[in-house]
């Protein structure tokens, strides 16, 4: 009684994409602040490092890695939950 398990991708309901979106938005805001709105006085307070720019860029890279992870290793959701539960019980 071989039952072929069918599944589909989780898509936008994958929590990794939601995390990537949130981190990406914050990263974009910090990058814009670091490029256009950080004064020399602010940089001097932060040990001569434009921390908004670097933190924003790091967050954008982190978000891109999450999107890449989601694309390379998508979550699979069984189409028939009852059949999946029966298969796991056997």
C-alpha atoms as a PDB file:
ATOM      1  CA  UNK A   1       0.000   0.000   0.000  1.00  0.00           C
ATOM      2  CA  UNK A   2       2.465   2.578  -1.230  1.00  0.00           C
ATOM      3  CA  UNK A   3       1.013   6.036  -0.935  1.00  0.00           C
ATOM      4  CA  UNK A   4       2.807   8.806  -2.749  1.00  0.00           C
ATOM      5  CA  UNK A   5       3.195  11.760  -0.417  1.00  0.00           C
ATOM      6  CA  UNK A   6       2.499  15.067  -2.104  1.00  0.00           C
ATOM      7  CA  UNK A   7       3.705  18.356  -0.704  1.00  0.00           C
ATOM      8  CA  UNK A   8       3.893  21.975  -1.644  1.00  0.00           C
ATOM      9  CA  UNK A   9       6.172  24.849  -0.709  1.00  0.00           C
ATOM     10  CA  UNK A  10       5.311  26.972   2.302  1.00  0.00           C
ATOM     11  CA  UNK A  11       5.819  30.163   0.255  1.00  0.00           C
ATOM     12  CA  UNK A  12       5.219  33.476   1.979  1.00  0.00           C
ATOM     13  CA  UNK A  13       4.136  31.714   5.147  1.00  0.00           C
ATOM     14  CA  UNK A  14       7.725  30.632   5.754  1.00  0.00           C
ATOM     15  CA  UNK A  15       8.840  32.405   8.941  1.00  0.00           C
ATOM     16  CA  UNK A  16      12.325  32.905   7.470  1.00  0.00           C
ATOM     17  CA  UNK A  17      10.893  35.288   4.860  1.00  0.00           C
ATOM     18  CA  UNK A  18       9.064  37.285   7.521  1.00  0.00           C
ATOM     19  CA  UNK A  19      12.278  37.593   9.539  1.00  0.00           C
ATOM     20  CA  UNK A  20      14.200  38.581   6.398  1.00  0.00           C
ATOM     21  CA  UNK A  21      11.615  41.260   5.618  1.00  0.00           C
ATOM     22  CA  UNK A  22      11.777  42.779   9.093  1.00  0.00           C
ATOM     23  CA  UNK A  23      15.574  42.720   9.292  1.00  0.00           C
ATOM     24  CA  UNK A  24      15.810  44.024   5.716  1.00  0.00           C
ATOM     25  CA  UNK A  25      13.537  47.006   6.407  1.00  0.00           C
ATOM     26  CA  UNK A  26      15.488  47.954   9.536  1.00  0.00           C
ATOM     27  CA  UNK A  27      18.735  47.461   7.627  1.00  0.00           C
ATOM     28  CA  UNK A  28      17.585  49.730   4.794  1.00  0.00           C
ATOM     29  CA  UNK A  29      16.540  52.443   7.256  1.00  0.00           C
ATOM     30  CA  UNK A  30      19.877  52.294   9.096  1.00  0.00           C
ATOM     31  CA  UNK A  31      21.819  52.328   5.823  1.00  0.00           C
ATOM     32  CA  UNK A  32      19.962  55.434   4.633  1.00  0.00           C
ATOM     33  CA  UNK A  33      20.526  57.094   8.012  1.00  0.00           C
ATOM     34  CA  UNK A  34      24.209  56.179   7.898  1.00  0.00           C
ATOM     35  CA  UNK A  35      24.704  57.544   4.391  1.00  0.00           C
ATOM     36  CA  UNK A  36      22.664  60.718   4.520  1.00  0.00           C
ATOM     37  CA  UNK A  37      21.879  61.754   8.058  1.00  0.00           C
ATOM     38  CA  UNK A  38      24.868  60.921  10.253  1.00  0.00           C
ATOM     39  CA  UNK A  39      26.916  63.933  11.276  1.00  0.00           C
ATOM     40  CA  UNK A  40      30.634  64.105  12.019  1.00  0.00           C
ATOM     41  CA  UNK A  41      29.715  64.637  15.667  1.00  0.00           C
ATOM     42  CA  UNK A  42      27.723  61.385  15.694  1.00  0.00           C
ATOM     43  CA  UNK A  43      30.635  59.519  14.134  1.00  0.00           C
ATOM     44  CA  UNK A  44      33.035  60.989  16.698  1.00  0.00           C
ATOM     45  CA  UNK A  45      30.785  59.726  19.523  1.00  0.00           C
ATOM     46  CA  UNK A  46      30.980  56.205  18.040  1.00  0.00           C
ATOM     47  CA  UNK A  47      34.791  55.945  18.034  1.00  0.00           C
ATOM     48  CA  UNK A  48      34.989  57.321  14.478  1.00  0.00           C
ATOM     49  CA  UNK A  49      32.845  54.539  13.046  1.00  0.00           C
ATOM     50  CA  UNK A  50      29.655  55.169  11.088  1.00  0.00           C
ATOM     51  CA  UNK A  51      27.792  52.555  13.114  1.00  0.00           C
ATOM     52  CA  UNK A  52      24.431  53.180  11.425  1.00  0.00           C
ATOM     53  CA  UNK A  53      25.929  52.456   8.021  1.00  0.00           C
ATOM     54  CA  UNK A  54      27.792  49.319   9.079  1.00  0.00           C
ATOM     55  CA  UNK A  55      24.916  47.927  11.134  1.00  0.00           C
ATOM     56  CA  UNK A  56      22.506  48.605   8.270  1.00  0.00           C
ATOM     57  CA  UNK A  57      24.730  46.876   5.742  1.00  0.00           C
ATOM     58  CA  UNK A  58      25.198  43.901   8.064  1.00  0.00           C
ATOM     59  CA  UNK A  59      21.421  43.621   8.503  1.00  0.00           C
ATOM     60  CA  UNK A  60      20.896  43.739   4.725  1.00  0.00           C
ATOM     61  CA  UNK A  61      23.435  40.943   4.252  1.00  0.00           C
ATOM     62  CA  UNK A  62      21.748  38.930   7.009  1.00  0.00           C
ATOM     63  CA  UNK A  63      18.342  39.399   5.354  1.00  0.00           C
ATOM     64  CA  UNK A  64      19.770  38.360   1.971  1.00  0.00           C
ATOM     65  CA  UNK A  65      21.224  35.206   3.541  1.00  0.00           C
ATOM     66  CA  UNK A  66      17.816  34.330   5.012  1.00  0.00           C
ATOM     67  CA  UNK A  67      16.170  34.769   1.596  1.00  0.00           C
ATOM     68  CA  UNK A  68      18.886  32.630  -0.008  1.00  0.00           C
ATOM     69  CA  UNK A  69      18.382  29.953   2.664  1.00  0.00           C
ATOM     70  CA  UNK A  70      14.636  29.956   2.005  1.00  0.00           C
ATOM     71  CA  UNK A  71      15.203  29.694  -1.741  1.00  0.00           C
ATOM     72  CA  UNK A  72      17.778  26.888  -1.498  1.00  0.00           C
ATOM     73  CA  UNK A  73      16.007  24.845   1.225  1.00  0.00           C
ATOM     74  CA  UNK A  74      12.255  25.475   0.929  1.00  0.00           C
ATOM     75  CA  UNK A  75       9.918  24.115   3.578  1.00  0.00           C
ATOM     76  CA  UNK A  76       7.546  21.445   2.335  1.00  0.00           C
ATOM     77  CA  UNK A  77       3.988  21.341   3.633  1.00  0.00           C
ATOM     78  CA  UNK A  78       2.044  18.107   3.043  1.00  0.00           C
ATOM     79  CA  UNK A  79      -1.099  18.624   0.975  1.00  0.00           C
ATOM     80  CA  UNK A  80      -3.005  15.935   2.822  1.00  0.00           C
ATOM     81  CA  UNK A  81      -2.323  16.266   6.535  1.00  0.00           C
ATOM     82  CA  UNK A  82      -4.273  13.120   7.429  1.00  0.00           C
ATOM     83  CA  UNK A  83      -2.253  10.998   4.965  1.00  0.00           C
ATOM     84  CA  UNK A  84       0.981  12.471   6.331  1.00  0.00           C
ATOM     85  CA  UNK A  85      -0.059  11.611   9.877  1.00  0.00           C
ATOM     86  CA  UNK A  86      -0.901   8.037   8.842  1.00  0.00           C
ATOM     87  CA  UNK A  87       2.474   7.658   7.123  1.00  0.00           C
ATOM     88  CA  UNK A  88       4.345   8.921  10.152  1.00  0.00           C
ATOM     89  CA  UNK A  89       2.400   6.536  12.412  1.00  0.00           C
ATOM     90  CA  UNK A  90       3.468   3.494  10.374  1.00  0.00           C
END
